[in-house]
Amino acid sequence: MKQILLLIALISFTVTGVFAQNVKVSGTVTESETGSPLPNVTVNLNSVQVLTDGRGVFEFNNQKPGKSIIYFSAEGYESF
């Protein structure tokens, strides 16, 4: 089964506004073997769920600063 590439350095994971009340968390999910962006991947953060767009991009706005776990899942891929 294929695996979604989830290494923070490779998904272009960004957190902005670290010293602000709320932060934006965004990134791009790519296929581990080809590096191609993956659309329609379900991304979960703090009980909020979004889908990646056609370019594999996801975004969460107004998140509280602090440690969180992000979950990724897509049909035909092994979840992490």
Protein backbone atom coordinates (compact mmCIF):
# COMPACT_ATOMS: atom_id res chain seq x y z
CA MET A 1 0.00 0.00 0.00
CA LYS A 2 1.30 3.47 -0.84
CA GLN A 3 2.17 5.88 1.92
CA ILE A 4 1.44 9.57 2.12
CA LEU A 5 4.66 11.45 2.66
CA LEU A 6 4.19 13.12 6.01
CA LEU A 7 7.60 14.32 7.01
CA ILE A 8 7.22 17.88 8.13
CA ALA A 9 10.14 19.04 6.00
CA LEU A 10 8.63 17.48 2.89
CA ILE A 11 5.02 18.62 3.23
CA SER A 12 5.98 22.26 3.41
CA PHE A 13 4.37 22.50 6.82
CA THR A 14 4.10 26.09 7.97
CA VAL A 15 2.89 27.70 11.13
CA THR A 16 2.49 31.45 11.09
CA GLY A 17 1.69 33.92 13.79
CA VAL A 18 3.44 32.01 16.57
CA PHE A 19 3.14 34.93 18.98
CA ALA A 20 -0.43 35.77 17.99
CA GLN A 21 -3.61 34.69 19.73
CA ASN A 22 -4.45 32.32 16.85
CA VAL A 23 -2.28 30.72 14.19
CA LYS A 24 -2.62 29.43 10.64
CA VAL A 25 -1.38 25.92 9.86
CA SER A 26 -0.92 25.06 6.19
CA GLY A 27 1.02 22.71 3.97
CA THR A 28 1.13 20.54 0.86
CA VAL A 29 0.64 16.77 0.88
CA THR A 30 2.71 14.90 -1.72
CA GLU A 31 3.04 11.31 -2.88
CA SER A 32 6.17 9.75 -1.38
CA GLU A 33 7.45 8.04 -4.53
CA THR A 34 6.77 10.69 -7.18
CA GLY A 35 6.57 13.92 -5.20
CA SER A 36 3.29 14.73 -6.96
CA PRO A 37 0.74 16.76 -4.97
CA LEU A 38 -2.21 14.72 -3.67
CA PRO A 39 -5.72 16.19 -3.97
CA ASN A 40 -8.66 15.16 -1.75
CA VAL A 41 -6.55 13.98 1.19
CA THR A 42 -8.42 14.27 4.50
CA VAL A 43 -6.40 16.29 7.01
CA ASN A 44 -7.47 16.40 10.68
CA LEU A 45 -6.19 18.88 13.26
CA ASN A 46 -7.77 19.38 16.70
CA SER A 47 -11.09 17.80 15.64
CA VAL A 48 -11.29 20.01 12.52
CA GLN A 49 -11.26 18.24 9.16
CA VAL A 50 -10.38 19.67 5.73
CA LEU A 51 -9.58 18.23 2.30
CA THR A 52 -6.52 19.12 0.27
CA ASP A 53 -7.27 21.05 -2.91
CA GLY A 54 -6.25 20.09 -6.46
CA ARG A 55 -2.65 21.12 -5.68
CA GLY A 56 -2.49 19.07 -2.46
CA VAL A 57 -2.69 22.21 -0.31
CA PHE A 58 -4.49 22.36 3.04
CA GLU A 59 -5.03 25.20 5.49
CA PHE A 60 -6.38 25.59 9.02
CA ASN A 61 -7.08 29.11 10.27
CA ASN A 62 -7.65 30.40 13.80
CA GLN A 63 -5.88 27.55 15.58
CA LYS A 64 -4.65 27.92 19.15
CA PRO A 65 -0.85 27.98 19.54
CA GLY A 66 0.70 24.86 21.05
CA LYS A 67 1.46 21.24 20.25
CA SER A 68 -0.96 19.35 18.01
CA ILE A 69 -1.06 16.15 16.02
CA ILE A 70 -2.10 16.28 12.37
CA TYR A 71 -3.65 13.15 10.83
CA PHE A 72 -3.69 12.46 7.08
CA SER A 73 -5.76 9.85 5.25
CA ALA A 74 -6.63 9.12 1.63
CA GLU A 75 -8.29 6.28 -0.22
CA GLY A 76 -5.69 3.84 -1.53
CA TYR A 77 -3.00 5.05 0.89
CA GLU A 78 -1.85 3.86 4.27
CA SER A 79 -2.75 6.37 6.99
CA PHE A 80 -0.22 7.76 9.43
